[in-house]
Amino acid sequence: MSVSAPSFRATSAPLQLPERLGPGPRRRARSPGAQERHLLSSVPAAQTLARVIRPCYGPHGRQKLLVTARGTNVFTGYAAAILRALKLEHPAARLLREAAHTQAESSGDGAAFVVLLAEALLQQAEHLLRAGLPRSQLRQAYAAATAETLALLPSLSIRSLGPLEDPFWALYSVMNTHTASQMDYLTKLVAHACWATKELDGSLHRERVGVCTLRGGRLEDSCLLPGLALCANPCGQVTAVLTGARVALFVCAFGPARPNAPATARLSSPDDLSKFRKRNEQLIEKQVAQLETACINVAVVWGDIDENTLTKADKYGIMVIQARSRTDIVYLSEVLGTPLMPYLLPPLKPGKCQRVYQQELGEGSVVIFEWECAGTPALTLVLRGATAEGLKSAEQAVYHGIDAYFQLCQDPRLIPGAGATEMALAKILSEKGSKLEGPNGPAFLAFAQALQSLPETLAENAGLVVSEVMAEMSCAHQAGNFLIGVGAEGIINVAKEEVWDTLVAKAQGLRVVTDVALQLLNVDEIVARKSPTNQQDLNPVHQKAREPALFYGTRS
């Protein structure tokens, strides 16, 4: 069903913003009722999208049970997964989702941060536009406020992860934003895996830490295995290669080539049928023999497996493994350094490892690609759980921790979490904005108020009285204590509670938010054309009576 953007309470502009702007000499007189219309056409879409994401923000955020357009259920509190499940119609909402996905892909998390801060900035921008600030000056002022914020951010860093320090404390505060249980145990596994696969120069290749989910058991049964582990089973009689494994990866059927164009064999006699079968067997024999000649003894296939070809592979001692997803075989290609073959031909550079074997884990099993202990280039964290949704939540938390450690290898600096950084930046920007002349002053104040909306959301999701928490935080930050953030029962000292964010992810998130906000500020009107054959256009409705549809789907 189509869900339309709901009406929202009119948010009054802060008194100091319009007062800082004098009446413009060319300011147009607006007709009655013009104040009720949005000056920025993207604001309603951003508000509706933020309303969906806001309850999931922070460690006390709730989860969503979504029903996608295909009828599948998605149960998650991860903002990027929620945005991915929604079928958006509004172009501004799509642009905002793209920005959030960019942040999640580059930094591992922060999709909710992008959506909420962008929505707050657009709301403040609309207040400034109503006060008479031209769009061109507003864009320049917002860009100046962003540059000032990014310049201030490194000064808030008071902790760094040492090169020989256990990363558990740094990863725990990052991973704890997810709702998976047994977060202490998961964080220990992630910290150990990242530490063990780190290069001598201190860098980390994220593909060296694999994650494999296996139904059954409890999350406490999760473990680390040497090498790479895939949730798969050997298809033939050869179930292990215990020394000198040489691996080929195929993204095609393991058997005779199947062209897209249909072909019909015209057989006029039993002899023709016998010759056809014999030539087919010879072709299969030749293909498998080519693999054996190239010393290939492990074949991983993403595609159908022909029984006759599998029999020939058993004859030549080739272990055949059928991958469950393209993601798994692409991951193997990255770590093994061998290409994906679209035909059943041996690669020029096969992947090499010490051994490949199957290992039983509870009621399931995995196939392990293992190297020698002295030079193991990869470890796999095998996650166990009773439900698929619980495993997805744990998997997202693990990937978030891996991405956080990757960022810390690039820049070990950490900044206060729990909304303390946003509150500290808001205080500094407010002080500078009250002294600046021209459009930069109101823009700095607007940027500060947008940043304050994030700790307000943390307090609201924790079930606290927002006004009291924000008043206490404001007093503490005015007194110079910028380590005060939002906790489960009120304000906390983030240094004592060990709640940190990585500097790289926060800086990247601010850049992404500003980019998308400046793009949407430049949009004058959103015009959508529908096909005249559309059933809805056969009975046209006046445009003012129609609300813009934002997305399809069922939300919790």
Protein backbone atom coordinates (compact mmCIF):
# COMPACT_ATOMS: atom_id res chain seq x y z
CA MET A 1 0.00 0.00 0.00
CA SER A 2 1.08 3.58 -0.52
CA VAL A 3 1.96 5.54 2.59
CA SER A 4 1.72 9.29 2.25
CA ALA A 5 3.77 11.85 4.07
CA PRO A 6 1.81 12.79 7.22
CA SER A 7 1.23 16.25 8.50
CA PHE A 8 3.68 17.56 11.10
CA ARG A 9 3.46 20.06 13.89
CA ALA A 10 4.68 23.48 12.88
CA THR A 11 8.03 24.00 14.49
CA SER A 12 8.50 27.61 15.43
CA ALA A 13 11.81 29.15 14.52
CA PRO A 14 14.15 30.10 17.35
CA LEU A 15 13.69 33.74 18.24
CA GLN A 16 17.30 34.67 17.73
CA LEU A 17 17.42 33.53 14.10
CA PRO A 18 14.93 35.96 12.48
CA GLU A 19 16.02 38.75 14.79
CA ARG A 20 19.57 38.49 13.42
CA LEU A 21 18.26 39.15 9.89
CA GLY A 22 16.99 42.58 9.00
CA PRO A 23 14.11 42.98 6.54
CA GLY A 24 15.54 42.53 3.07
CA PRO A 25 15.06 45.45 0.66
CA ARG A 26 13.65 43.16 -2.04
CA ARG A 27 11.59 40.95 0.21
CA ARG A 28 8.33 39.99 -1.43
CA ALA A 29 4.98 40.27 0.30
CA ARG A 30 3.45 36.82 0.69
CA SER A 31 -0.20 36.09 0.21
CA PRO A 32 -2.33 34.81 3.14
CA GLY A 33 -1.59 31.17 3.79
CA ALA A 34 1.80 31.25 2.07
CA GLN A 35 3.50 30.78 5.47
CA GLU A 36 1.89 27.36 5.74
CA ARG A 37 3.58 26.04 2.61
CA HIS A 38 7.07 24.59 2.73
CA LEU A 39 9.67 26.75 1.06
CA LEU A 40 11.87 23.67 0.67
CA SER A 41 10.05 20.91 -1.19
CA SER A 42 12.35 18.29 0.34
CA VAL A 43 11.46 19.06 3.97
CA PRO A 44 8.29 16.88 4.18
CA ALA A 45 10.12 13.87 2.73
CA ALA A 46 13.08 14.35 5.08
CA GLN A 47 10.74 14.70 8.07
CA THR A 48 8.86 11.52 7.21
CA LEU A 49 12.03 9.52 6.62
CA ALA A 50 13.53 10.83 9.89
CA ARG A 51 10.36 9.84 11.75
CA VAL A 52 10.93 6.25 10.63
CA ILE A 53 14.63 6.21 11.57
CA ARG A 54 14.54 8.29 14.79
CA PRO A 55 13.26 5.54 17.18
CA CYS A 56 16.20 3.31 16.10
CA TYR A 57 18.97 5.81 16.88
CA GLY A 58 21.45 5.05 19.66
CA PRO A 59 22.08 2.07 21.96
CA HIS A 60 18.52 2.29 23.36
CA GLY A 61 16.85 2.47 19.97
CA ARG A 62 14.04 0.15 19.05
CA GLN A 63 13.70 -2.18 16.09
CA LYS A 64 11.41 -2.19 13.08
CA LEU A 65 9.43 -5.07 11.62
CA LEU A 66 9.08 -4.21 7.93
CA VAL A 67 7.15 -5.97 5.21
CA THR A 68 8.77 -5.23 1.86
CA ALA A 69 6.99 -4.90 -1.49
CA ARG A 70 7.94 -8.53 -2.21
CA GLY A 71 6.25 -9.71 0.96
CA THR A 72 9.42 -10.61 2.88
CA ASN A 73 9.82 -9.64 6.52
CA VAL A 74 12.75 -7.52 7.74
CA PHE A 75 13.26 -7.30 11.49
CA THR A 76 16.10 -4.91 12.31
CA GLY A 77 17.11 -1.74 14.09
CA TYR A 78 19.97 -0.99 11.70
CA ALA A 79 19.17 2.21 9.81
CA ALA A 80 20.91 1.16 6.59
CA ALA A 81 18.90 -2.09 6.47
CA ILE A 82 15.65 -0.20 7.12
CA LEU A 83 16.37 2.28 4.34
CA ARG A 84 17.26 -0.57 2.01
CA ALA A 85 13.92 -2.29 2.67
CA LEU A 86 11.80 0.80 1.94
CA LYS A 87 10.57 1.42 -1.59
CA LEU A 88 10.87 5.19 -1.78
CA GLU A 89 8.99 7.35 -4.27
CA HIS A 90 9.97 10.90 -3.31
CA PRO A 91 13.21 11.91 -5.13
CA ALA A 92 14.47 13.85 -2.10
CA ALA A 93 13.99 10.78 0.10
CA ARG A 94 15.92 8.70 -2.43
CA LEU A 95 18.77 11.19 -2.43
CA LEU A 96 18.85 11.15 1.37
CA ARG A 97 18.90 7.35 1.39
CA GLU A 98 21.76 7.32 -1.10
CA ALA A 99 23.76 9.64 1.15
CA ALA A 100 23.05 7.43 4.17
CA HIS A 101 24.17 4.33 2.27
CA THR A 102 27.36 6.12 1.23
CA GLN A 103 28.13 6.77 4.87
CA ALA A 104 27.33 3.18 5.88
CA GLU A 105 29.50 1.72 3.11
CA SER A 106 32.49 3.95 3.79
CA SER A 107 32.39 3.99 7.59
CA GLY A 108 30.38 0.90 8.51
CA ASP A 109 27.64 2.85 10.28
CA GLY A 110 26.19 6.34 10.65
CA ALA A 111 23.20 6.04 8.31
CA ALA A 112 20.83 7.21 11.06
CA PHE A 113 23.18 10.10 11.90
CA VAL A 114 23.05 11.28 8.28
CA VAL A 115 19.25 11.11 7.99
CA LEU A 116 18.51 12.82 11.32
CA LEU A 117 21.08 15.60 11.02
CA ALA A 118 20.16 16.32 7.40
CA GLU A 119 16.49 16.61 8.36
CA ALA A 120 17.33 18.98 11.21
CA LEU A 121 19.52 21.13 8.95
CA LEU A 122 16.76 21.38 6.35
CA GLN A 123 14.24 22.43 8.99
CA GLN A 124 16.59 25.14 10.27
CA ALA A 125 17.27 26.22 6.69
CA GLU A 126 13.57 26.73 6.12
CA HIS A 127 13.39 28.99 9.20
CA LEU A 128 16.21 31.09 7.79
CA LEU A 129 14.57 31.30 4.37
CA ARG A 130 11.32 32.48 5.95
CA ALA A 131 13.31 35.12 7.82
CA GLY A 132 14.53 36.48 4.48
CA LEU A 133 17.98 34.97 3.99
CA PRO A 134 18.62 34.30 0.25
CA ARG A 135 19.39 30.73 -0.72
CA SER A 136 22.78 31.58 -2.19
CA GLN A 137 23.92 33.21 1.05
CA LEU A 138 22.41 30.35 3.09
CA ARG A 139 24.40 27.79 1.11
CA GLN A 140 27.64 29.72 1.62
CA ALA A 141 26.90 30.16 5.33
CA TYR A 142 26.12 26.45 5.79
CA ALA A 143 29.37 25.56 4.00
CA ALA A 144 31.28 27.89 6.34
CA ALA A 145 29.60 26.33 9.39
CA THR A 146 30.56 22.86 8.16
CA ALA A 147 34.18 23.88 7.62
CA GLU A 148 34.28 25.35 11.13
CA THR A 149 32.75 22.16 12.58
CA LEU A 150 35.25 19.90 10.83
CA ALA A 151 38.10 22.14 12.01
CA LEU A 152 36.85 21.92 15.62
CA LEU A 153 36.29 18.15 15.62
CA PRO A 154 39.94 17.02 16.12
CA SER A 155 40.25 19.26 19.19
CA LEU A 156 37.62 17.12 20.96
CA SER A 157 39.71 13.95 20.64
CA ILE A 158 41.23 13.02 24.00
CA ARG A 159 41.78 9.26 23.50
CA SER A 160 43.76 7.27 20.97
CA LEU A 161 44.14 3.55 20.44
CA GLY A 162 47.77 2.58 20.95
CA PRO A 163 49.50 0.35 18.38
CA LEU A 164 50.00 -2.43 20.96
CA GLU A 165 46.79 -1.82 22.91
CA ASP A 166 43.89 -4.27 23.17
CA PRO A 167 41.12 -2.70 21.02
CA PHE A 168 38.28 -4.22 23.07
CA TRP A 169 37.40 -1.01 24.93
CA ALA A 170 37.29 1.02 21.73
CA LEU A 171 35.24 -1.50 19.76
CA TYR A 172 32.76 -2.21 22.55
CA SER A 173 31.31 1.30 22.64
CA VAL A 174 30.95 1.21 18.84
CA MET A 175 29.34 -2.23 18.65
CA ASN A 176 27.09 -1.61 21.65
CA THR A 177 24.87 0.63 19.54
CA HIS A 178 23.36 -2.58 18.12
CA THR A 179 20.74 -4.58 19.98
CA ALA A 180 22.39 -7.99 19.70
CA SER A 181 22.83 -9.90 22.94
CA GLN A 182 26.16 -11.10 24.37
CA MET A 183 27.92 -8.00 23.08
CA ASP A 184 30.89 -8.50 25.45
CA TYR A 185 31.61 -11.91 23.96
CA LEU A 186 31.16 -10.74 20.37
CA THR A 187 33.43 -7.76 20.93
CA LYS A 188 36.17 -10.01 22.31
CA LEU A 189 35.98 -12.23 19.23
CA VAL A 190 36.09 -9.24 16.86
CA ALA A 191 38.99 -7.63 18.75
CA HIS A 192 40.98 -10.88 18.67
CA ALA A 193 40.28 -11.46 14.95
CA CYS A 194 41.27 -7.93 13.97
CA TRP A 195 44.40 -8.02 16.11
CA ALA A 196 45.49 -11.39 14.72
CA THR A 197 45.05 -10.40 11.05
CA LYS A 198 46.65 -6.95 11.33
CA GLU A 199 49.65 -6.37 9.09
CA LEU A 200 53.11 -5.62 10.40
CA ASP A 201 52.77 -1.98 9.35
CA GLY A 202 49.64 -1.62 11.47
CA SER A 203 47.14 -1.66 8.61
CA LEU A 204 44.14 -3.97 8.34
CA HIS A 205 42.59 -5.58 5.27
CA ARG A 206 38.92 -5.98 6.16
CA GLU A 207 38.50 -8.95 3.83
CA ARG A 208 40.93 -10.90 6.03
CA VAL A 209 38.25 -11.17 8.73
CA GLY A 210 35.42 -13.34 7.48
CA VAL A 211 31.97 -13.72 8.99
CA CYS A 212 29.90 -16.87 8.60
CA THR A 213 26.40 -17.36 10.05
CA LEU A 214 25.19 -20.82 11.00
CA ARG A 215 21.73 -21.62 12.34
CA GLY A 216 21.55 -23.60 15.54
CA GLY A 217 23.03 -23.23 18.99
CA ARG A 218 23.38 -19.98 20.93
CA LEU A 219 25.32 -16.82 20.31
CA GLU A 220 27.74 -17.90 23.05
CA ASP A 221 28.65 -20.87 20.84
CA SER A 222 30.17 -18.52 18.24
CA CYS A 223 33.86 -19.12 17.63
CA LEU A 224 36.89 -18.14 15.58
CA LEU A 225 38.23 -20.56 12.99
CA PRO A 226 41.59 -20.32 11.20
CA GLY A 227 41.32 -19.43 7.55
CA LEU A 228 38.09 -18.81 5.67
CA ALA A 229 34.89 -20.68 6.47
CA LEU A 230 31.91 -20.99 4.12
CA CYS A 231 28.52 -22.37 5.02
CA ALA A 232 28.60 -25.06 2.32
CA ASN A 233 28.98 -28.79 1.82
CA PRO A 234 31.18 -30.77 -0.57
CA CYS A 235 29.06 -32.17 -3.40
CA GLY A 236 31.06 -35.21 -4.42
CA GLN A 237 33.00 -38.03 -2.80
CA VAL A 238 36.11 -35.92 -2.25
CA THR A 239 35.45 -34.08 1.03
CA ALA A 240 38.94 -32.81 1.90
CA VAL A 241 42.25 -31.75 0.39
CA LEU A 242 44.75 -31.92 3.22
CA THR A 243 47.84 -30.52 1.53
CA GLY A 244 48.68 -28.20 -1.35
CA ALA A 245 45.17 -27.01 -2.16
CA ARG A 246 44.87 -25.13 -5.47
CA VAL A 247 41.48 -23.47 -5.84
CA ALA A 248 39.48 -22.39 -8.91
CA LEU A 249 36.31 -20.30 -8.63
CA PHE A 250 33.51 -20.66 -11.19
CA VAL A 251 30.45 -18.48 -11.69
CA CYS A 252 28.89 -20.87 -14.17
CA ALA A 253 27.42 -24.34 -14.26
CA PHE A 254 29.84 -27.13 -13.38
CA GLY A 255 29.25 -29.08 -16.56
CA PRO A 256 28.72 -28.57 -20.30
CA ALA A 257 28.23 -24.98 -21.41
CA ARG A 258 24.60 -23.92 -21.66
CA PRO A 259 24.23 -21.11 -24.22
CA ASN A 260 21.34 -18.70 -23.97
CA ALA A 261 20.11 -19.54 -27.46
CA PRO A 262 18.07 -22.80 -27.51
CA ALA A 263 19.49 -25.63 -29.55
CA THR A 264 17.83 -28.84 -30.72
CA ALA A 265 19.79 -31.98 -31.50
CA ARG A 266 18.36 -33.60 -34.62
CA LEU A 267 18.95 -37.33 -34.28
CA SER A 268 17.77 -39.66 -37.04
CA SER A 269 18.94 -43.02 -35.71
CA PRO A 270 20.04 -44.77 -32.50
CA ASP A 271 23.63 -44.50 -33.72
CA ASP A 272 23.32 -40.69 -33.78
CA LEU A 273 22.07 -40.76 -30.19
CA SER A 274 24.95 -42.98 -29.14
CA LYS A 275 27.47 -40.69 -30.87
CA PHE A 276 25.90 -37.60 -29.26
CA ARG A 277 26.17 -39.08 -25.77
CA LYS A 278 29.74 -40.21 -26.41
CA ARG A 279 30.85 -36.78 -27.64
CA ASN A 280 29.15 -35.14 -24.67
CA GLU A 281 31.02 -37.42 -22.28
CA GLN A 282 34.27 -36.73 -24.11
CA LEU A 283 33.71 -32.99 -23.76
CA ILE A 284 33.08 -33.36 -20.04
CA GLU A 285 36.15 -35.58 -19.71
CA LYS A 286 38.27 -32.99 -21.53
CA GLN A 287 37.05 -30.09 -19.36
CA VAL A 288 37.72 -31.89 -16.09
CA ALA A 289 41.07 -33.20 -17.38
CA GLN A 290 42.12 -29.61 -18.11
CA LEU A 291 41.50 -28.75 -14.45
CA GLU A 292 43.53 -31.75 -13.32
CA THR A 293 46.37 -30.85 -15.72
CA ALA A 294 46.50 -27.35 -14.20
CA CYS A 295 46.79 -29.00 -10.75
CA ILE A 296 43.35 -27.72 -9.68
CA ASN A 297 42.09 -29.92 -6.84
CA VAL A 298 39.36 -27.66 -5.36
CA ALA A 299 36.53 -26.16 -7.42
CA VAL A 300 34.08 -23.71 -5.83
CA VAL A 301 30.98 -23.26 -7.99
CA TRP A 302 28.22 -20.68 -7.94
CA GLY A 303 25.80 -22.41 -10.28
CA ASP A 304 24.28 -25.78 -11.08
CA ILE A 305 26.39 -28.92 -10.81
CA ASP A 306 26.03 -31.61 -13.46
CA GLU A 307 26.05 -35.14 -12.05
CA ASN A 308 28.19 -36.59 -14.85
CA THR A 309 30.74 -33.80 -14.47
CA LEU A 310 30.79 -34.34 -10.71
CA THR A 311 31.53 -38.04 -11.29
CA LYS A 312 34.49 -37.12 -13.49
CA ALA A 313 35.72 -34.69 -10.82
CA ASP A 314 35.65 -37.52 -8.25
CA LYS A 315 37.66 -39.63 -10.67
CA TYR A 316 40.42 -37.00 -10.87
CA GLY A 317 40.34 -36.27 -7.12
CA ILE A 318 38.86 -32.76 -7.42
CA MET A 319 36.83 -31.48 -4.46
CA VAL A 320 33.69 -29.67 -5.67
CA ILE A 321 31.97 -27.14 -3.39
CA GLN A 322 28.73 -25.37 -4.28
CA ALA A 323 28.66 -21.79 -2.91
CA ARG A 324 25.38 -20.55 -1.47
CA SER A 325 25.70 -16.94 -2.64
CA ARG A 326 27.66 -14.79 -5.03
CA THR A 327 28.89 -12.79 -2.03
CA ASP A 328 30.73 -15.83 -0.68
CA ILE A 329 32.52 -16.62 -3.92
CA VAL A 330 33.45 -12.95 -4.53
CA TYR A 331 34.87 -12.83 -1.00
CA LEU A 332 36.95 -15.95 -1.72
CA SER A 333 38.22 -14.33 -4.90
CA GLU A 334 39.43 -11.26 -2.99
CA VAL A 335 41.30 -13.24 -0.35
CA LEU A 336 42.70 -15.99 -2.56
CA GLY A 337 43.68 -13.57 -5.31
CA THR A 338 42.22 -15.67 -8.10
CA PRO A 339 39.67 -14.53 -10.72
CA LEU A 340 36.08 -15.68 -11.12
CA MET A 341 35.87 -17.90 -14.19
CA PRO A 342 32.74 -17.64 -16.38
CA TYR A 343 33.58 -20.94 -18.13
CA LEU A 344 34.81 -24.30 -16.96
CA LEU A 345 38.45 -23.54 -17.71
CA PRO A 346 41.42 -23.44 -15.30
CA PRO A 347 42.47 -19.91 -14.22
CA LEU A 348 45.93 -18.62 -15.04
CA LYS A 349 46.49 -17.88 -11.37
CA PRO A 350 44.72 -20.35 -9.06
CA GLY A 351 44.19 -19.62 -5.40
CA LYS A 352 46.53 -21.39 -3.04
CA CYS A 353 46.12 -22.47 0.59
CA GLN A 354 47.36 -25.26 2.79
CA ARG A 355 44.22 -27.40 3.04
CA VAL A 356 40.46 -27.42 2.51
CA TYR A 357 38.22 -29.57 4.66
CA GLN A 358 34.75 -29.86 6.16
CA GLN A 359 34.09 -29.32 9.85
CA GLU A 360 30.91 -30.10 11.77
CA LEU A 361 29.60 -27.38 14.08
CA GLY A 362 26.59 -28.55 16.03
CA GLU A 363 23.86 -29.52 13.58
CA GLY A 364 25.51 -27.68 10.69
CA SER A 365 28.83 -27.77 8.93
CA VAL A 366 31.26 -25.40 7.21
CA VAL A 367 34.02 -25.78 4.65
CA ILE A 368 37.32 -24.27 5.84
CA PHE A 369 40.12 -22.92 3.66
CA GLU A 370 43.12 -22.95 5.97
CA TRP A 371 46.69 -21.69 5.64
CA GLU A 372 49.76 -22.56 7.69
CA CYS A 373 49.59 -21.16 11.21
CA ALA A 374 52.67 -18.99 10.75
CA GLY A 375 51.20 -17.10 7.81
CA THR A 376 47.44 -17.37 8.11
CA PRO A 377 46.08 -14.41 6.13
CA ALA A 378 42.51 -14.75 7.36
CA LEU A 379 40.26 -15.72 10.25
CA THR A 380 36.55 -16.42 10.21
CA LEU A 381 34.10 -15.60 12.96
CA VAL A 382 31.36 -18.23 12.89
CA LEU A 383 28.18 -16.84 14.42
CA ARG A 384 25.63 -19.24 15.90
CA GLY A 385 22.03 -18.45 16.69
CA ALA A 386 18.50 -19.80 16.83
CA THR A 387 16.88 -17.37 14.39
CA ALA A 388 17.92 -15.82 11.11
CA GLU A 389 16.98 -12.33 12.29
CA GLY A 390 19.09 -12.66 15.43
CA LEU A 391 22.04 -13.77 13.32
CA LYS A 392 21.60 -10.78 11.00
CA SER A 393 21.68 -8.40 13.96
CA ALA A 394 24.83 -10.02 15.33
CA GLU A 395 26.43 -10.02 11.87
CA GLN A 396 25.77 -6.29 11.46
CA ALA A 397 27.34 -5.59 14.85
CA VAL A 398 30.42 -7.63 13.91
CA TYR A 399 30.89 -5.84 10.60
CA HIS A 400 30.47 -2.52 12.41
CA GLY A 401 33.27 -3.49 14.79
CA ILE A 402 35.56 -4.58 11.92
CA ASP A 403 34.96 -1.30 10.11
CA ALA A 404 35.65 0.66 13.31
CA TYR A 405 38.99 -1.09 13.80
CA PHE A 406 39.86 -0.43 10.14
CA GLN A 407 39.22 3.28 10.75
CA LEU A 408 41.32 3.24 13.92
CA CYS A 409 44.21 1.72 11.97
CA GLN A 410 44.04 4.75 9.69
CA ASP A 411 43.46 7.32 12.45
CA PRO A 412 43.58 6.05 16.07
CA ARG A 413 41.86 9.11 17.54
CA LEU A 414 38.52 8.76 19.30
CA ILE A 415 36.00 11.42 20.30
CA PRO A 416 33.35 11.41 23.04
CA GLY A 417 30.19 9.48 22.20
CA ALA A 418 26.65 9.48 23.60
CA GLY A 419 25.91 12.88 22.05
CA ALA A 420 28.71 14.66 23.93
CA THR A 421 30.56 15.62 20.74
CA GLU A 422 27.43 17.05 19.11
CA MET A 423 26.64 19.05 22.25
CA ALA A 424 30.20 20.40 22.49
CA LEU A 425 30.20 21.43 18.83
CA ALA A 426 26.79 23.09 19.27
CA LYS A 427 28.08 25.14 22.20
CA ILE A 428 31.14 26.39 20.31
CA LEU A 429 29.15 27.19 17.17
CA SER A 430 26.52 29.05 19.19
CA GLU A 431 29.15 31.20 20.84
CA LYS A 432 30.79 32.02 17.52
CA GLY A 433 27.48 32.56 15.75
CA SER A 434 26.33 35.11 18.31
CA LYS A 435 29.41 37.25 17.52
CA LEU A 436 29.46 36.95 13.73
CA GLU A 437 27.89 39.55 11.48
CA GLY A 438 25.97 38.86 8.29
CA PRO A 439 24.42 35.52 7.28
CA ASN A 440 27.15 33.41 8.92
CA GLY A 441 25.91 34.27 12.40
CA PRO A 442 22.36 32.87 11.99
CA ALA A 443 23.68 29.91 9.99
CA PHE A 444 26.09 28.98 12.79
CA LEU A 445 23.23 29.16 15.31
CA ALA A 446 21.03 27.03 13.04
CA PHE A 447 23.80 24.44 12.62
CA ALA A 448 24.22 24.33 16.41
CA GLN A 449 20.54 23.71 17.00
CA ALA A 450 20.53 20.94 14.39
CA LEU A 451 23.42 19.23 16.22
CA GLN A 452 21.54 19.49 19.53
CA SER A 453 18.68 17.46 18.07
CA LEU A 454 20.86 14.31 18.13
CA PRO A 455 21.41 14.11 21.93
CA GLU A 456 17.72 15.00 22.29
CA THR A 457 16.87 11.90 20.25
CA LEU A 458 19.20 9.77 22.40
CA ALA A 459 17.44 10.99 25.55
CA GLU A 460 14.01 10.37 24.05
CA ASN A 461 14.87 6.81 22.98
CA ALA A 462 16.27 6.10 26.46
CA GLY A 463 12.90 7.06 27.97
CA LEU A 464 14.24 10.14 29.78
CA VAL A 465 12.71 13.57 30.24
CA VAL A 466 14.32 15.34 27.31
CA SER A 467 14.05 18.89 28.68
CA GLU A 468 15.71 17.94 31.97
CA VAL A 469 18.52 15.97 30.34
CA MET A 470 19.26 18.73 27.83
CA ALA A 471 19.26 21.37 30.59
CA GLU A 472 21.77 19.34 32.64
CA MET A 473 23.95 18.72 29.60
CA SER A 474 23.86 22.40 28.64
CA CYS A 475 24.93 23.46 32.13
CA ALA A 476 27.79 20.96 32.16
CA HIS A 477 29.05 22.00 28.72
CA GLN A 478 28.75 25.68 29.56
CA ALA A 479 30.97 24.96 32.56
CA GLY A 480 33.58 23.48 30.21
CA ASN A 481 32.93 19.77 30.72
CA PHE A 482 32.48 18.52 27.15
CA LEU A 483 32.62 14.85 28.23
CA ILE A 484 29.00 14.82 29.41
CA GLY A 485 26.66 12.72 27.28
CA VAL A 486 23.37 10.85 27.47
CA GLY A 487 23.18 7.52 29.28
CA ALA A 488 20.50 5.03 30.18
CA GLU A 489 19.47 6.85 33.39
CA GLY A 490 20.54 10.42 32.64
CA ILE A 491 23.73 12.28 31.89
CA ILE A 492 27.03 10.39 32.08
CA ASN A 493 30.75 11.07 31.85
CA VAL A 494 31.68 9.34 28.62
CA ALA A 495 35.35 9.00 29.62
CA LYS A 496 34.41 7.02 32.75
CA GLU A 497 31.79 4.95 30.92
CA GLU A 498 34.15 4.33 27.96
CA VAL A 499 31.70 5.55 25.29
CA TRP A 500 33.58 6.67 22.19
CA ASP A 501 33.12 7.32 18.48
CA THR A 502 35.84 7.18 15.85
CA LEU A 503 36.97 10.55 14.56
CA VAL A 504 37.11 9.30 10.95
CA ALA A 505 33.46 8.15 10.90
CA LYS A 506 32.14 11.34 12.52
CA ALA A 507 34.04 13.60 10.14
CA GLN A 508 32.90 11.58 7.15
CA GLY A 509 29.30 11.73 8.36
CA LEU A 510 29.40 15.52 8.69
CA ARG A 511 30.75 15.86 5.15
CA VAL A 512 28.04 13.59 3.73
CA VAL A 513 25.28 15.42 5.61
CA THR A 514 26.43 18.81 4.39
CA ASP A 515 26.74 17.62 0.78
CA VAL A 516 23.18 16.29 0.65
CA ALA A 517 21.74 19.28 2.54
CA LEU A 518 23.39 21.75 0.16
CA GLN A 519 22.08 19.80 -2.82
CA LEU A 520 18.52 19.84 -1.49
CA LEU A 521 18.78 23.54 -0.61
CA ASN A 522 19.35 24.28 -4.28
CA VAL A 523 16.15 22.46 -5.38
CA ASP A 524 13.43 24.94 -6.26
CA GLU A 525 10.66 22.52 -7.19
CA ILE A 526 10.17 18.78 -7.60
CA VAL A 527 8.14 17.95 -10.69
CA ALA A 528 7.03 14.36 -11.33
CA ARG A 529 5.45 13.17 -14.54
CA LYS A 530 3.32 10.05 -14.64
CA SER A 531 2.36 8.00 -17.63
CA PRO A 532 -1.08 8.90 -19.03
CA THR A 533 -1.91 5.20 -19.04
CA ASN A 534 -1.56 5.08 -15.28
CA GLN A 535 -4.87 4.20 -13.71
CA GLN A 536 -4.56 7.00 -11.16
CA ASP A 537 -4.36 9.61 -13.94
CA LEU A 538 -7.71 8.50 -15.39
CA ASN A 539 -9.41 10.19 -12.43
CA PRO A 540 -7.19 13.20 -11.79
CA VAL A 541 -7.19 14.82 -8.36
CA HIS A 542 -6.28 18.45 -7.76
CA GLN A 543 -2.59 18.70 -6.93
CA LYS A 544 -3.21 20.60 -3.66
CA ALA A 545 -5.41 17.80 -2.38
CA ARG A 546 -2.76 15.16 -2.93
CA GLU A 547 -0.01 14.43 -0.44
CA PRO A 548 3.38 13.29 -1.76
CA ALA A 549 3.84 9.55 -1.37
CA LEU A 550 7.14 8.79 0.32
CA PHE A 551 7.48 5.02 0.33
CA TYR A 552 5.75 1.70 0.07
CA GLY A 553 5.86 -0.86 2.84
CA THR A 554 4.49 -1.66 6.27
CA ARG A 555 6.24 -0.15 9.23
CA SER A 556 6.11 -1.00 12.89
